Amino acid sequence: MKRQKIRKALIIVSFLLFPVTIYYFSPVLIIQGAMEGIIVGSFILFALLFASSLFLGRAFCGWLCPAGGLQEICAISNDKLAKGGR
């Protein structure tokens, strides 16, 4: 149970930090960097995500994905609404 709380906390923090990290998740930066002949941080992030998915499966999706954070927040608010009687 403690592990699930840690996972939820990490995923919600990832969601809250998404406005800061959005540029690292942008494939447009990879294209712009390629046109300039440089490797950008976004490419490195996508390469690391690809390599880690080969060995760790969907660990990123379950532990760090910002979209998963949105899902968790919606699930928490949905549970509160259901228990509140409305």
C-alpha atoms as a PDB file:
ATOM      1  CA  MET A   1       0.000   0.000   0.000  1.00  0.00           C
ATOM      2  CA  LYS A   2       2.873   2.369   0.774  1.00  0.00           C
ATOM      3  CA  ARG A   3       4.318   1.784  -2.695  1.00  0.00           C
ATOM      4  CA  GLN A   4       1.042   2.860  -4.288  1.00  0.00           C
ATOM      5  CA  LYS A   5       1.060   6.076  -2.257  1.00  0.00           C
ATOM      6  CA  ILE A   6       4.605   6.801  -3.432  1.00  0.00           C
ATOM      7  CA  ARG A   7       3.590   6.076  -7.045  1.00  0.00           C
ATOM      8  CA  LYS A   8       0.561   8.370  -6.815  1.00  0.00           C
ATOM      9  CA  ALA A   9       2.625  11.132  -5.249  1.00  0.00           C
ATOM     10  CA  LEU A  10       5.291  10.880  -7.984  1.00  0.00           C
ATOM     11  CA  ILE A  11       2.700  10.880 -10.724  1.00  0.00           C
ATOM     12  CA  ILE A  12       0.859  13.903  -9.298  1.00  0.00           C
ATOM     13  CA  VAL A  13       4.129  15.831  -8.895  1.00  0.00           C
ATOM     14  CA  SER A  14       4.964  14.939 -12.493  1.00  0.00           C
ATOM     15  CA  PHE A  15       1.592  16.337 -13.582  1.00  0.00           C
ATOM     16  CA  LEU A  16       2.081  19.547 -11.590  1.00  0.00           C
ATOM     17  CA  LEU A  17       5.568  20.022 -13.087  1.00  0.00           C
ATOM     18  CA  PHE A  18       4.349  19.425 -16.639  1.00  0.00           C
ATOM     19  CA  PRO A  19       4.218  23.155 -17.523  1.00  0.00           C
ATOM     20  CA  VAL A  20       7.934  23.288 -16.665  1.00  0.00           C
ATOM     21  CA  THR A  21       8.885  20.061 -18.464  1.00  0.00           C
ATOM     22  CA  ILE A  22       6.618  20.372 -21.529  1.00  0.00           C
ATOM     23  CA  TYR A  23       9.494  21.404 -23.792  1.00  0.00           C
ATOM     24  CA  TYR A  24      11.389  18.204 -23.031  1.00  0.00           C
ATOM     25  CA  PHE A  25       8.372  16.213 -24.257  1.00  0.00           C
ATOM     26  CA  SER A  26       8.160  18.129 -27.529  1.00  0.00           C
ATOM     27  CA  PRO A  27       9.037  16.267 -30.744  1.00  0.00           C
ATOM     28  CA  VAL A  28       9.131  19.646 -32.497  1.00  0.00           C
ATOM     29  CA  LEU A  29      12.372  20.448 -30.675  1.00  0.00           C
ATOM     30  CA  ILE A  30      13.923  17.271 -32.072  1.00  0.00           C
ATOM     31  CA  ILE A  31      13.091  18.370 -35.626  1.00  0.00           C
ATOM     32  CA  GLN A  32      14.347  21.914 -35.046  1.00  0.00           C
ATOM     33  CA  GLY A  33      17.571  20.589 -33.532  1.00  0.00           C
ATOM     34  CA  ALA A  34      18.077  18.201 -36.441  1.00  0.00           C
ATOM     35  CA  MET A  35      17.674  21.077 -38.884  1.00  0.00           C
ATOM     36  CA  GLU A  36      20.434  22.917 -37.005  1.00  0.00           C
ATOM     37  CA  GLY A  37      22.591  19.786 -36.798  1.00  0.00           C
ATOM     38  CA  ILE A  38      22.526  19.429 -33.004  1.00  0.00           C
ATOM     39  CA  ILE A  39      21.168  16.865 -30.573  1.00  0.00           C
ATOM     40  CA  VAL A  40      18.693  18.449 -28.179  1.00  0.00           C
ATOM     41  CA  GLY A  41      17.616  17.378 -24.698  1.00  0.00           C
ATOM     42  CA  SER A  42      14.233  16.311 -26.028  1.00  0.00           C
ATOM     43  CA  PHE A  43      15.910  13.718 -28.272  1.00  0.00           C
ATOM     44  CA  ILE A  44      17.921  12.408 -25.337  1.00  0.00           C
ATOM     45  CA  LEU A  45      14.751  12.132 -23.229  1.00  0.00           C
ATOM     46  CA  PHE A  46      12.904  10.220 -25.957  1.00  0.00           C
ATOM     47  CA  ALA A  47      15.916   7.934 -26.472  1.00  0.00           C
ATOM     48  CA  LEU A  48      16.065   7.214 -22.727  1.00  0.00           C
ATOM     49  CA  LEU A  49      12.320   6.549 -22.630  1.00  0.00           C
ATOM     50  CA  PHE A  50      12.643   4.145 -25.555  1.00  0.00           C
ATOM     51  CA  ALA A  51      15.609   2.315 -24.034  1.00  0.00           C
ATOM     52  CA  SER A  52      13.976   2.081 -20.608  1.00  0.00           C
ATOM     53  CA  SER A  53      10.761   0.762 -22.138  1.00  0.00           C
ATOM     54  CA  LEU A  54      12.708  -2.155 -23.589  1.00  0.00           C
ATOM     55  CA  PHE A  55      13.929  -3.193 -20.140  1.00  0.00           C
ATOM     56  CA  LEU A  56      11.343  -1.806 -17.724  1.00  0.00           C
ATOM     57  CA  GLY A  57       8.177  -2.064 -19.793  1.00  0.00           C
ATOM     58  CA  ARG A  58       5.619   0.591 -18.946  1.00  0.00           C
ATOM     59  CA  ALA A  59       7.394   1.912 -15.861  1.00  0.00           C
ATOM     60  CA  PHE A  60       7.329   5.488 -17.176  1.00  0.00           C
ATOM     61  CA  CYS A  61       3.593   5.311 -17.822  1.00  0.00           C
ATOM     62  CA  GLY A  62       2.866   3.917 -14.378  1.00  0.00           C
ATOM     63  CA  TRP A  63       5.258   6.028 -12.310  1.00  0.00           C
ATOM     64  CA  LEU A  64       6.108   9.329 -14.066  1.00  0.00           C
ATOM     65  CA  CYS A  65       3.737  10.134 -16.932  1.00  0.00           C
ATOM     66  CA  PRO A  66       2.044  13.549 -16.536  1.00  0.00           C
ATOM     67  CA  ALA A  67      -1.139  12.241 -18.168  1.00  0.00           C
ATOM     68  CA  GLY A  68      -1.302   9.558 -15.478  1.00  0.00           C
ATOM     69  CA  GLY A  69      -1.216  12.357 -12.898  1.00  0.00           C
ATOM     70  CA  LEU A  70      -4.290  13.901 -14.462  1.00  0.00           C
ATOM     71  CA  GLN A  71      -5.996  10.508 -14.289  1.00  0.00           C
ATOM     72  CA  GLU A  72      -5.126  10.117 -10.618  1.00  0.00           C
ATOM     73  CA  ILE A  73      -6.429  13.600  -9.753  1.00  0.00           C
ATOM     74  CA  CYS A  74      -9.677  12.900 -11.625  1.00  0.00           C
ATOM     75  CA  ALA A  75     -10.054   9.560  -9.828  1.00  0.00           C
ATOM     76  CA  ILE A  76      -9.556  11.201  -6.425  1.00  0.00           C
ATOM     77  CA  SER A  77     -12.099  13.925  -7.158  1.00  0.00           C
ATOM     78  CA  ASN A  78     -14.539  11.395  -8.635  1.00  0.00           C
ATOM     79  CA  ASP A  79     -14.354   9.261  -5.472  1.00  0.00           C
ATOM     80  CA  LYS A  80     -15.037  12.314  -3.302  1.00  0.00           C
ATOM     81  CA  LEU A  81     -18.061  13.249  -5.396  1.00  0.00           C
ATOM     82  CA  ALA A  82     -19.446   9.700  -5.238  1.00  0.00           C
ATOM     83  CA  LYS A  83     -19.051   9.469  -1.470  1.00  0.00           C
ATOM     84  CA  GLY A  84     -20.507  12.955  -0.967  1.00  0.00           C
ATOM     85  CA  GLY A  85     -23.940  11.883  -2.178  1.00  0.00           C
ATOM     86  CA  ARG A  86     -24.205  14.056  -5.264  1.00  0.00           C
END
